Amino acid sequence: QVQLVESGGGLVQPGGSLRLSCAASGFAFSRYLMTWVRQAPGKGLEWVSTINSDGGYTNYADSVKGRFTISRDNTKNTLYLQMNSLKPEDTSVYYCQFAVSRGQGTQVTVSS
């Protein structure tokens, strides 16, 4: 049974940083591509970033490119998203995703 548990969200001022984590279990994490998506209040899901199985390939939405960094630790079955230079428009619930499965999400609020 696939389980994804996100953590690390919170309230941060514009320009600040947060590091999100996603603990994965129930599947062979190290063999699969992983993705971060987000959902702002009243909006649909937005793709944020993807990383391949060994971390050698990453891709980012234009809205976060240069500010966010996706990474993974296959020894810990954990996915990360380092978010720097946060903006109010980054306010969303952030989810890690494997295939069609997502966790419960972690809230990120960027506000002064």
Protein backbone atom coordinates (compact mmCIF):
# COMPACT_ATOMS: atom_id res chain seq x y z
CA GLN A 1 0.00 0.00 0.00
CA VAL A 2 1.50 3.29 -1.12
CA GLN A 3 1.90 5.83 1.65
CA LEU A 4 3.22 9.36 1.22
CA VAL A 5 3.57 11.68 4.20
CA GLU A 6 4.52 15.30 3.59
CA SER A 7 5.92 17.61 6.26
CA GLY A 8 7.83 20.85 6.66
CA GLY A 9 5.22 23.40 5.70
CA GLY A 10 4.41 26.50 7.69
CA LEU A 11 4.08 30.26 7.71
CA VAL A 12 7.01 32.19 6.28
CA GLN A 13 7.62 35.78 5.27
CA PRO A 14 8.20 36.73 1.63
CA GLY A 15 11.80 36.02 0.71
CA GLY A 16 12.06 33.25 3.26
CA SER A 17 12.82 29.56 2.86
CA LEU A 18 11.26 26.24 3.74
CA ARG A 19 12.28 22.63 3.15
CA LEU A 20 9.50 20.14 2.54
CA SER A 21 9.94 16.41 3.04
CA CYS A 22 7.92 13.45 1.84
CA ALA A 23 8.40 10.07 3.49
CA ALA A 24 7.43 7.28 1.12
CA SER A 25 6.60 3.66 1.83
CA GLY A 26 4.77 0.71 0.28
CA PHE A 27 6.62 0.73 -3.04
CA ALA A 28 10.16 0.55 -4.40
CA PHE A 29 10.84 4.26 -3.99
CA SER A 30 14.33 4.19 -5.49
CA ARG A 31 13.04 2.85 -8.80
CA TYR A 32 10.52 5.55 -9.59
CA LEU A 33 10.17 9.13 -10.71
CA MET A 34 8.63 11.42 -8.09
CA THR A 35 6.80 14.71 -8.36
CA TRP A 36 5.76 17.69 -6.27
CA VAL A 37 2.45 19.38 -7.06
CA ARG A 38 0.60 22.16 -5.29
CA GLN A 39 -2.89 23.54 -4.97
CA ALA A 40 -3.61 27.15 -4.12
CA PRO A 41 -6.93 28.12 -2.50
CA GLY A 42 -9.72 27.91 -5.04
CA LYS A 43 -7.45 26.66 -7.83
CA GLY A 44 -6.59 23.35 -9.46
CA LEU A 45 -3.50 21.23 -9.01
CA GLU A 46 -0.31 22.76 -10.39
CA TRP A 47 2.76 20.73 -11.27
CA VAL A 48 5.86 22.07 -9.49
CA SER A 49 8.78 19.72 -10.08
CA THR A 50 9.80 16.19 -11.03
CA ILE A 51 12.88 14.12 -10.30
CA ASN A 52 13.88 10.82 -11.86
CA SER A 53 14.71 7.68 -9.92
CA ASP A 54 18.39 8.38 -9.25
CA GLY A 55 18.10 12.14 -8.96
CA GLY A 56 20.10 12.75 -12.11
CA TYR A 57 17.28 14.50 -13.92
CA THR A 58 15.08 17.27 -12.56
CA ASN A 59 12.51 19.57 -14.10
CA TYR A 60 10.69 22.63 -12.78
CA ALA A 61 7.70 24.77 -13.55
CA ASP A 62 8.72 28.19 -14.84
CA SER A 63 7.07 29.76 -11.80
CA VAL A 64 9.56 28.13 -9.41
CA LYS A 65 12.66 27.65 -11.58
CA GLY A 66 15.76 29.08 -9.92
CA ARG A 67 14.07 29.25 -6.51
CA PHE A 68 13.08 25.65 -5.73
CA THR A 69 15.26 22.55 -5.70
CA ILE A 70 13.92 19.00 -5.74
CA SER A 71 16.05 16.18 -4.39
CA ARG A 72 15.75 12.70 -2.95
CA ASP A 73 17.51 10.34 -0.59
CA ASN A 74 16.86 6.81 -1.78
CA THR A 75 18.50 5.36 1.34
CA LYS A 76 15.78 7.05 3.42
CA ASN A 77 12.90 6.73 0.93
CA THR A 78 12.43 10.46 1.21
CA LEU A 79 11.73 13.21 -1.30
CA TYR A 80 12.58 16.86 -0.62
CA LEU A 81 11.69 20.29 -1.93
CA GLN A 82 13.93 23.18 -0.90
CA MET A 83 12.04 26.41 -1.44
CA ASN A 84 13.93 29.71 -1.38
CA SER A 85 12.92 33.30 -2.14
CA LEU A 86 9.31 32.43 -1.38
CA LYS A 87 6.57 34.66 -2.74
CA PRO A 88 2.95 35.13 -1.62
CA GLU A 89 1.85 33.36 -4.79
CA ASP A 90 3.64 30.23 -3.59
CA THR A 91 0.98 29.88 -0.90
CA SER A 92 -0.55 26.44 -1.46
CA VAL A 93 -0.95 22.97 -0.12
CA TYR A 94 2.05 20.99 -1.39
CA TYR A 95 1.76 17.30 -2.22
CA CYS A 96 4.28 14.71 -3.25
CA GLN A 97 3.03 12.37 -5.90
CA PHE A 98 3.87 8.85 -7.10
CA ALA A 99 1.84 7.75 -10.13
CA VAL A 100 -1.71 8.74 -9.11
CA SER A 101 -1.09 8.64 -5.35
CA ARG A 102 -0.62 11.75 -3.22
CA GLY A 103 -0.19 12.31 0.47
CA GLN A 104 -2.31 14.51 2.71
CA GLY A 105 -0.26 17.55 1.81
CA THR A 106 1.50 20.22 3.83
CA GLN A 107 0.35 23.84 3.95
CA VAL A 108 2.78 26.57 2.92
CA THR A 109 1.71 30.13 3.60
CA VAL A 110 3.85 33.05 2.49
CA SER A 111 2.74 36.26 4.10
CA SER A 112 4.09 39.24 5.98
